[in-house]
Amino acid sequence: MHLTTKPPLPRFDPDSGENPFDFILRASAAHRAARAAQEQAEWRQQEQARRLIRELRDAGD
């Protein structure tokens, strides 16, 4: 089971006055954190499915 949504990528606003390199560092860190959260949610979903299958299998014995 995979989640179909991807975390949104931030957009650089040249009028913000932010240093482009700082933006890249901040955006990539935020993107990595969002991906890690997504992977953790997928892992939880898979673990929940495994647990349910195990319980159903044990109940059938």
Protein backbone atom coordinates (compact mmCIF):
# COMPACT_ATOMS: atom_id res chain seq x y z
CA MET A 1 0.00 0.00 0.00
CA HIS A 2 1.44 3.30 -1.05
CA LEU A 3 0.09 6.74 -0.39
CA THR A 4 -0.56 8.46 -3.68
CA THR A 5 -0.03 12.02 -2.56
CA LYS A 6 3.39 13.60 -2.66
CA PRO A 7 4.47 16.43 -0.40
CA PRO A 8 4.22 19.80 -2.14
CA LEU A 9 7.46 21.40 -3.25
CA PRO A 10 8.05 24.91 -1.93
CA ARG A 11 8.39 27.74 -4.44
CA PHE A 12 11.12 30.35 -4.30
CA ASP A 13 9.89 33.93 -4.23
CA PRO A 14 12.64 36.21 -5.57
CA ASP A 15 10.87 39.24 -4.07
CA SER A 16 11.08 37.81 -0.53
CA GLY A 17 14.66 38.94 -0.06
CA GLU A 18 15.64 35.46 1.10
CA ASN A 19 19.03 34.16 0.07
CA PRO A 20 18.44 31.49 -2.64
CA PHE A 21 20.94 29.14 -1.00
CA ASP A 22 19.17 29.42 2.36
CA PHE A 23 15.90 28.69 0.58
CA ILE A 24 17.37 25.56 -1.02
CA LEU A 25 18.65 24.31 2.33
CA ARG A 26 15.36 25.03 4.09
CA ALA A 27 13.24 23.59 1.28
CA SER A 28 15.26 20.40 0.98
CA ALA A 29 15.14 19.86 4.75
CA ALA A 30 11.37 20.36 4.73
CA HIS A 31 11.00 18.03 1.76
CA ARG A 32 13.10 15.32 3.46
CA ALA A 33 10.99 15.64 6.62
CA ALA A 34 7.77 15.34 4.62
CA ARG A 35 9.07 12.26 2.79
CA ALA A 36 10.13 10.67 6.07
CA ALA A 37 6.67 11.30 7.53
CA GLN A 38 5.07 9.80 4.43
CA GLU A 39 7.29 6.72 4.59
CA GLN A 40 6.52 6.31 8.28
CA ALA A 41 2.77 6.50 7.56
CA GLU A 42 3.13 3.86 4.84
CA TRP A 43 5.10 1.63 7.21
CA ARG A 44 2.40 1.98 9.89
CA GLN A 45 -0.26 1.10 7.35
CA GLN A 46 1.65 -2.00 6.24
CA GLU A 47 2.29 -3.05 9.84
CA GLN A 48 -1.40 -2.65 10.65
CA ALA A 49 -2.30 -4.81 7.65
CA ARG A 50 0.21 -7.49 8.72
CA ARG A 51 -1.20 -7.47 12.25
CA LEU A 52 -4.76 -7.83 10.95
CA ILE A 53 -3.76 -10.71 8.67
CA ARG A 54 -1.98 -12.41 11.58
CA GLU A 55 -5.05 -12.00 13.82
CA LEU A 56 -7.37 -13.38 11.14
CA ARG A 57 -5.05 -16.30 10.51
CA ASP A 58 -4.81 -17.06 14.25
CA ALA A 59 -8.59 -16.82 14.62
CA GLY A 60 -9.06 -19.38 11.85
CA ASP A 61 -6.91 -22.01 13.60
